C-alpha atoms as a PDB file:
ATOM      1  CA  MET A   1      20.807  10.258  -9.657  1.00  0.00           C
ATOM      2  CA  LYS A   2      19.126   9.735 -13.268  1.00  0.00           C
ATOM      3  CA  GLN A   3      16.343  11.841 -13.579  1.00  0.00           C
ATOM      4  CA  SER A   4      13.442  12.342 -16.312  1.00  0.00           C
ATOM      5  CA  THR A   5      10.496  14.213 -17.283  1.00  0.00           C
ATOM      6  CA  ILE A   6       6.951  12.662 -17.623  1.00  0.00           C
ATOM      7  CA  MET A   7       3.456  13.969 -18.508  1.00  0.00           C
ATOM      8  CA  ILE A   8       0.899  14.372 -16.478  1.00  0.00           C
ATOM      9  CA  ASP A   9      -2.681  16.220 -17.104  1.00  0.00           C
ATOM     10  CA  LYS A  10      -2.639  19.949 -14.391  1.00  0.00           C
ATOM     11  CA  LYS A  11      -5.952  17.725 -13.348  1.00  0.00           C
ATOM     12  CA  THR A  12      -3.398  15.340 -12.047  1.00  0.00           C
ATOM     13  CA  ILE A  13      -0.593  17.392 -10.643  1.00  0.00           C
ATOM     14  CA  GLU A  14      -3.870  19.501  -9.093  1.00  0.00           C
ATOM     15  CA  LEU A  15      -4.506  16.448  -6.695  1.00  0.00           C
ATOM     16  CA  LEU A  16      -0.667  15.319  -5.760  1.00  0.00           C
ATOM     17  CA  LYS A  17      -1.196  18.583  -4.112  1.00  0.00           C
ATOM     18  CA  LYS A  18      -3.117  18.450  -3.043  1.00  0.00           C
ATOM     19  CA  THR A  19      -1.858  14.817  -1.788  1.00  0.00           C
ATOM     20  CA  LYS A  20       1.307  15.466  -0.225  1.00  0.00           C
ATOM     21  CA  GLU A  21       1.895  16.227   3.858  1.00  0.00           C
ATOM     22  CA  HIS A  22       4.385  19.100   3.919  1.00  0.00           C
ATOM     23  CA  PRO A  23       4.285  22.312   0.929  1.00  0.00           C
ATOM     24  CA  ARG A  24       8.011  21.842   1.096  1.00  0.00           C
ATOM     25  CA  GLU A  25       7.464  17.236   0.416  1.00  0.00           C
ATOM     26  CA  THR A  26       8.365  16.954  -3.690  1.00  0.00           C
ATOM     27  CA  TYR A  27       6.759  15.208  -6.189  1.00  0.00           C
ATOM     28  CA  ASN A  28       8.738  12.440  -6.976  1.00  0.00           C
ATOM     29  CA  GLU A  29       8.477  11.726  -2.653  1.00  0.00           C
ATOM     30  CA  LEU A  30       5.242  12.123  -3.351  1.00  0.00           C
ATOM     31  CA  LEU A  31       4.886   9.008  -6.271  1.00  0.00           C
ATOM     32  CA  LYS A  32       7.181   7.426  -4.182  1.00  0.00           C
ATOM     33  CA  LYS A  33       5.118   6.754  -1.298  1.00  0.00           C
ATOM     34  CA  LEU A  34       1.923   6.339  -3.145  1.00  0.00           C
ATOM     35  CA  VAL A  35       3.379   3.975  -4.767  1.00  0.00           C
ATOM     36  CA  MET A  36       4.196   2.050  -2.280  1.00  0.00           C
ATOM     37  CA  SER A  37       0.992   2.029  -0.816  1.00  0.00           C
ATOM     38  CA  TYR A  38      -0.127   0.353  -4.227  1.00  0.00           C
ATOM     39  CA  GLU A  39       1.528  -2.740  -3.904  1.00  0.00           C
ATOM     40  CA  PHE A  40       0.949  -3.015  -0.040  1.00  0.00           C
ATOM     41  CA  VAL A  41      -3.167  -2.837  -0.843  1.00  0.00           C
ATOM     42  CA  LYS A  42      -2.630  -5.399  -3.814  1.00  0.00           C
ATOM     43  CA  LYS A  43      -0.410  -7.443  -1.244  1.00  0.00           C
ATOM     44  CA  ARG A  44      -2.499  -6.903   1.041  1.00  0.00           C
ATOM     45  CA  ASN A  45      -6.186  -8.001  -1.336  1.00  0.00           C
ATOM     46  CA  GLN A  46      -4.381 -11.009  -2.637  1.00  0.00           C
ATOM     47  CA  TYR A  47      -3.876 -11.904   1.213  1.00  0.00           C
ATOM     48  CA  ASP A  48      -7.843 -11.438   2.165  1.00  0.00           C
ATOM     49  CA  GLU A  49      -9.130 -13.470  -1.444  1.00  0.00           C
ATOM     50  CA  PHE A  50      -6.506 -15.889  -0.122  1.00  0.00           C
ATOM     51  CA  LEU A  51      -8.935 -16.370   3.553  1.00  0.00           C
ATOM     52  CA  HIS A  52     -11.876 -15.909   1.771  1.00  0.00           C
ATOM     53  CA  LYS A  53     -11.496 -18.732  -0.818  1.00  0.00           C
ATOM     54  CA  ILE A  54     -10.153 -21.257   2.238  1.00  0.00           C
ATOM     55  CA  GLN A  55     -13.101 -19.726   4.753  1.00  0.00           C
ATOM     56  CA  GLN A  56     -15.647 -20.757   1.720  1.00  0.00           C
ATOM     57  CA  GLU A  57     -14.165 -23.995   1.325  1.00  0.00           C
ATOM     58  CA  LYS A  58     -14.726 -24.854   4.791  1.00  0.00           C
ATOM     59  CA  MET A  59     -17.880 -23.264   6.042  1.00  0.00           C
ATOM     60  CA  GLN A  60     -19.512 -25.120   2.880  1.00  0.00           C
ATOM     61  CA  GLU A  61     -17.732 -28.259   5.262  1.00  0.00           C
ATOM     62  CA  VAL A  62     -19.323 -27.052   8.228  1.00  0.00           C
ATOM     63  CA  TRP A  63     -22.990 -26.139   6.206  1.00  0.00           C
ATOM     64  CA  ASP A  64     -23.161 -29.128   3.866  1.00  0.00           C
ATOM     65  CA  ASN A  65     -23.844 -31.946   5.817  1.00  0.00           C
ATOM     66  CA  ASP A  66     -26.670 -34.151   6.578  1.00  0.00           C
ATOM     67  CA  ALA A  67     -27.191 -33.823  10.111  1.00  0.00           C
ATOM     68  CA  ASP A  68     -28.092 -30.202   8.693  1.00  0.00           C
ATOM     69  CA  GLU A  69     -30.212 -31.816   6.257  1.00  0.00           C
ATOM     70  CA  GLU A  70     -32.602 -33.862   8.454  1.00  0.00           C
ATOM     71  CA  TRP A  71     -33.187 -30.911  10.262  1.00  0.00           C
ATOM     72  CA  GLU A  72     -35.316 -29.216   7.558  1.00  0.00           C
ATOM     73  CA  ASP A  73     -37.081 -31.673   6.780  1.00  0.00           C
ATOM     74  CA  ALA A  74     -37.758 -31.893  10.982  1.00  0.00           C
END
Protein backbone atom coordinates (compact mmCIF):
# COMPACT_ATOMS: atom_id res chain seq x y z
CA MET A 1 0.00 0.00 0.00
CA LYS A 2 1.33 3.42 -0.94
CA GLN A 3 1.22 6.07 1.73
CA SER A 4 1.70 9.80 1.83
CA THR A 5 1.98 12.54 4.38
CA ILE A 6 -0.53 15.37 4.45
CA MET A 7 -0.58 18.59 6.43
CA ILE A 8 -3.58 18.92 8.75
CA ASP A 9 -4.25 21.75 11.20
CA LYS A 10 -4.05 20.77 14.85
CA LYS A 11 -7.67 21.86 15.32
CA THR A 12 -8.71 19.45 12.58
CA ILE A 13 -6.74 16.66 14.23
CA GLU A 14 -8.59 17.31 17.49
CA LEU A 15 -11.90 17.10 15.63
CA LEU A 16 -10.82 13.84 14.04
CA LYS A 17 -9.85 12.44 17.44
CA LYS A 18 -13.33 13.29 18.78
CA THR A 19 -14.94 11.64 15.77
CA LYS A 20 -13.23 8.27 16.18
CA GLU A 21 -15.53 5.40 17.11
CA HIS A 22 -12.78 3.63 19.05
CA PRO A 23 -9.30 4.74 20.17
CA ARG A 24 -7.41 2.35 17.89
CA GLU A 25 -9.22 3.51 14.76
CA THR A 26 -6.70 5.01 12.35
CA TYR A 27 -7.09 8.38 10.71
CA ASN A 28 -7.05 6.59 7.37
CA GLU A 29 -10.05 4.45 8.40
CA LEU A 30 -11.84 7.48 9.78
CA LEU A 31 -11.22 9.57 6.67
CA LYS A 32 -12.48 6.76 4.44
CA LYS A 33 -15.69 6.60 6.46
CA LEU A 34 -16.10 10.36 6.33
CA VAL A 35 -15.64 10.40 2.55
CA MET A 36 -18.14 7.56 2.11
CA SER A 37 -20.65 9.40 4.31
CA TYR A 38 -20.15 12.58 2.32
CA GLU A 39 -20.69 10.75 -0.97
CA PHE A 40 -23.87 9.13 0.38
CA VAL A 41 -25.27 12.48 1.53
CA LYS A 42 -24.34 14.10 -1.78
CA LYS A 43 -26.16 11.38 -3.76
CA ARG A 44 -29.13 11.58 -1.39
CA ASN A 45 -29.35 15.36 -1.84
CA GLN A 46 -29.30 14.98 -5.62
CA TYR A 47 -32.14 12.46 -5.36
CA ASP A 48 -34.14 14.75 -3.05
CA GLU A 49 -33.62 17.71 -5.38
CA PHE A 50 -34.79 15.58 -8.31
CA LEU A 51 -37.96 14.56 -6.44
CA HIS A 52 -38.60 18.13 -5.36
CA LYS A 53 -38.36 19.34 -8.96
CA ILE A 54 -40.83 16.70 -10.15
CA GLN A 55 -43.21 17.49 -7.30
CA GLN A 56 -43.08 21.21 -8.07
CA GLU A 57 -44.21 20.64 -11.64
CA LYS A 58 -47.05 18.34 -10.53
CA MET A 59 -48.21 20.71 -7.79
CA GLN A 60 -48.27 23.55 -10.32
CA GLU A 61 -50.57 21.41 -12.50
CA VAL A 62 -52.84 20.72 -9.52
CA TRP A 63 -52.96 24.29 -8.23
CA ASP A 64 -53.06 26.18 -11.52
CA ASN A 65 -56.39 25.05 -12.92
CA ASP A 66 -59.62 26.76 -13.95
CA ALA A 67 -61.73 25.14 -11.22
CA ASP A 68 -59.60 26.69 -8.47
CA GLU A 69 -59.78 30.11 -10.11
CA GLU A 70 -63.61 29.89 -10.17
CA TRP A 71 -63.64 29.29 -6.40
CA GLU A 72 -61.43 32.33 -5.81
CA ASP A 73 -64.11 34.56 -7.41
CA ALA A 74 -67.03 32.96 -5.51
